[in-house]
Amino acid sequence: MSIRIHIPTPMRQHTDNQAVVESSGSTVKGLLDSLGQKHPAIAGRIFENGQVRRFINIYLNDEDIRYLDRLDTPVKDGDEVSIIPAVAGG
């Protein structure tokens, strides 16, 4: 099973400058764990104490996982996941 993960520009340094990385897993958590095994430095940018960092948003096919089953949201072949860091300013 292959799922595409879109990596935001500020995190690409942790994925060998790849904008899209293919990974596998049965849930969003499994997918991100697999990504962290391939690219260990990115895990610390996404997770804090086992949870997605407060200012990181994860989307599965354009839907925020916070409104689905969060990290337990199931994924299937062909899905796309986007990691979106929140932007602040004013």
C-alpha atoms as a PDB file:
ATOM      1  CA  MET A   1       0.000   0.000   0.000  1.00  0.00           C
ATOM      2  CA  SER A   2       1.413   3.360  -0.991  1.00  0.00           C
ATOM      3  CA  ILE A   3       0.276   6.691   0.391  1.00  0.00           C
ATOM      4  CA  ARG A   4       1.737  10.057  -0.564  1.00  0.00           C
ATOM      5  CA  ILE A   5       2.715  12.459   2.201  1.00  0.00           C
ATOM      6  CA  HIS A   6       3.125  16.097   1.229  1.00  0.00           C
ATOM      7  CA  ILE A   7       5.989  17.669   3.183  1.00  0.00           C
ATOM      8  CA  PRO A   8       5.908  21.420   3.871  1.00  0.00           C
ATOM      9  CA  THR A   9       8.898  23.464   2.746  1.00  0.00           C
ATOM     10  CA  PRO A  10      10.277  24.127   6.270  1.00  0.00           C
ATOM     11  CA  MET A  11      10.409  20.351   6.957  1.00  0.00           C
ATOM     12  CA  ARG A  12      11.909  19.220   3.655  1.00  0.00           C
ATOM     13  CA  GLN A  13      15.413  19.458   5.048  1.00  0.00           C
ATOM     14  CA  HIS A  14      14.472  16.368   7.091  1.00  0.00           C
ATOM     15  CA  THR A  15      13.332  14.380   4.036  1.00  0.00           C
ATOM     16  CA  ASP A  16      16.332  14.959   1.772  1.00  0.00           C
ATOM     17  CA  ASN A  17      14.493  17.965   0.263  1.00  0.00           C
ATOM     18  CA  GLN A  18      11.659  15.798  -1.040  1.00  0.00           C
ATOM     19  CA  ALA A  19       8.301  17.571  -1.361  1.00  0.00           C
ATOM     20  CA  VAL A  20       6.393  14.271  -1.470  1.00  0.00           C
ATOM     21  CA  VAL A  21       7.346  11.055   0.287  1.00  0.00           C
ATOM     22  CA  GLU A  22       5.603   7.718  -0.173  1.00  0.00           C
ATOM     23  CA  SER A  23       4.950   5.664   2.921  1.00  0.00           C
ATOM     24  CA  SER A  24       2.668   2.922   4.174  1.00  0.00           C
ATOM     25  CA  GLY A  25       0.481   2.194   7.151  1.00  0.00           C
ATOM     26  CA  SER A  26      -3.103   1.350   8.029  1.00  0.00           C
ATOM     27  CA  THR A  27      -3.743   4.531  10.051  1.00  0.00           C
ATOM     28  CA  VAL A  28      -2.424   8.082   9.987  1.00  0.00           C
ATOM     29  CA  LYS A  29      -0.325   7.253  13.066  1.00  0.00           C
ATOM     30  CA  GLY A  30       1.162   4.170  11.398  1.00  0.00           C
ATOM     31  CA  LEU A  31       1.881   6.191   8.287  1.00  0.00           C
ATOM     32  CA  LEU A  32       3.650   8.955  10.233  1.00  0.00           C
ATOM     33  CA  ASP A  33       5.561   6.380  12.297  1.00  0.00           C
ATOM     34  CA  SER A  34       6.772   4.795   9.057  1.00  0.00           C
ATOM     35  CA  LEU A  35       7.784   8.243   7.786  1.00  0.00           C
ATOM     36  CA  GLY A  36       9.706   8.804  11.040  1.00  0.00           C
ATOM     37  CA  GLN A  37      11.559   5.518  10.610  1.00  0.00           C
ATOM     38  CA  LYS A  38      12.701   6.520   7.123  1.00  0.00           C
ATOM     39  CA  HIS A  39      13.429  10.128   8.121  1.00  0.00           C
ATOM     40  CA  PRO A  40      14.018  10.215  11.908  1.00  0.00           C
ATOM     41  CA  ALA A  41      14.564  13.978  12.202  1.00  0.00           C
ATOM     42  CA  ILE A  42      11.053  14.788  10.960  1.00  0.00           C
ATOM     43  CA  ALA A  43       9.368  12.861  13.785  1.00  0.00           C
ATOM     44  CA  GLY A  44      10.498  15.471  16.322  1.00  0.00           C
ATOM     45  CA  ARG A  45       8.997  18.205  14.165  1.00  0.00           C
ATOM     46  CA  ILE A  46       5.611  16.484  13.984  1.00  0.00           C
ATOM     47  CA  PHE A  47       5.248  14.848  17.401  1.00  0.00           C
ATOM     48  CA  GLU A  48       5.669  15.958  20.989  1.00  0.00           C
ATOM     49  CA  ASN A  49       5.076  13.413  23.759  1.00  0.00           C
ATOM     50  CA  GLY A  50       3.408  11.040  21.293  1.00  0.00           C
ATOM     51  CA  GLN A  51       0.885  13.605  20.062  1.00  0.00           C
ATOM     52  CA  VAL A  52       0.876  15.823  16.993  1.00  0.00           C
ATOM     53  CA  ARG A  53       2.400  19.162  17.962  1.00  0.00           C
ATOM     54  CA  ARG A  54      -0.108  21.898  18.672  1.00  0.00           C
ATOM     55  CA  PHE A  55       0.778  23.977  15.617  1.00  0.00           C
ATOM     56  CA  ILE A  56       0.904  21.123  13.118  1.00  0.00           C
ATOM     57  CA  ASN A  57      -2.207  20.211  11.169  1.00  0.00           C
ATOM     58  CA  ILE A  58      -2.557  16.893   9.382  1.00  0.00           C
ATOM     59  CA  TYR A  59      -4.968  16.508   6.476  1.00  0.00           C
ATOM     60  CA  LEU A  60      -6.110  13.287   4.852  1.00  0.00           C
ATOM     61  CA  ASN A  61      -7.416  13.963   1.348  1.00  0.00           C
ATOM     62  CA  ASP A  62      -8.171  17.599   2.259  1.00  0.00           C
ATOM     63  CA  GLU A  63      -9.936  16.706   5.539  1.00  0.00           C
ATOM     64  CA  ASP A  64      -8.467  17.714   8.887  1.00  0.00           C
ATOM     65  CA  ILE A  65      -7.869  14.524  10.901  1.00  0.00           C
ATOM     66  CA  ARG A  66      -9.030  16.353  14.056  1.00  0.00           C
ATOM     67  CA  TYR A  67     -12.558  16.036  12.643  1.00  0.00           C
ATOM     68  CA  LEU A  68     -12.097  12.396  11.698  1.00  0.00           C
ATOM     69  CA  ASP A  69     -10.541   9.825  14.057  1.00  0.00           C
ATOM     70  CA  ARG A  70      -7.375  11.872  14.670  1.00  0.00           C
ATOM     71  CA  LEU A  71      -4.252   9.665  14.523  1.00  0.00           C
ATOM     72  CA  ASP A  72      -6.450   6.540  14.416  1.00  0.00           C
ATOM     73  CA  THR A  73      -7.983   7.615  11.097  1.00  0.00           C
ATOM     74  CA  PRO A  74      -7.665   4.694   8.667  1.00  0.00           C
ATOM     75  CA  VAL A  75      -5.827   5.232   5.388  1.00  0.00           C
ATOM     76  CA  LYS A  76      -5.974   3.295   2.138  1.00  0.00           C
ATOM     77  CA  ASP A  77      -3.934   2.926  -1.001  1.00  0.00           C
ATOM     78  CA  GLY A  78      -4.010   6.111  -3.069  1.00  0.00           C
ATOM     79  CA  ASP A  79      -4.754   8.440  -0.149  1.00  0.00           C
ATOM     80  CA  GLU A  80      -2.771  11.635   0.270  1.00  0.00           C
ATOM     81  CA  VAL A  81      -1.704  13.153   3.577  1.00  0.00           C
ATOM     82  CA  SER A  82      -0.574  16.756   3.964  1.00  0.00           C
ATOM     83  CA  ILE A  83       1.424  18.077   6.890  1.00  0.00           C
ATOM     84  CA  ILE A  84       0.579  21.755   7.350  1.00  0.00           C
ATOM     85  CA  PRO A  85       2.377  23.886   9.936  1.00  0.00           C
ATOM     86  CA  ALA A  86       0.213  26.686  11.315  1.00  0.00           C
ATOM     87  CA  VAL A  87       1.241  30.200  10.363  1.00  0.00           C
ATOM     88  CA  ALA A  88       0.975  33.037  12.847  1.00  0.00           C
ATOM     89  CA  GLY A  89       1.524  36.702  12.523  1.00  0.00           C
ATOM     90  CA  GLY A  90      -0.289  39.866  12.127  1.00  0.00           C
END
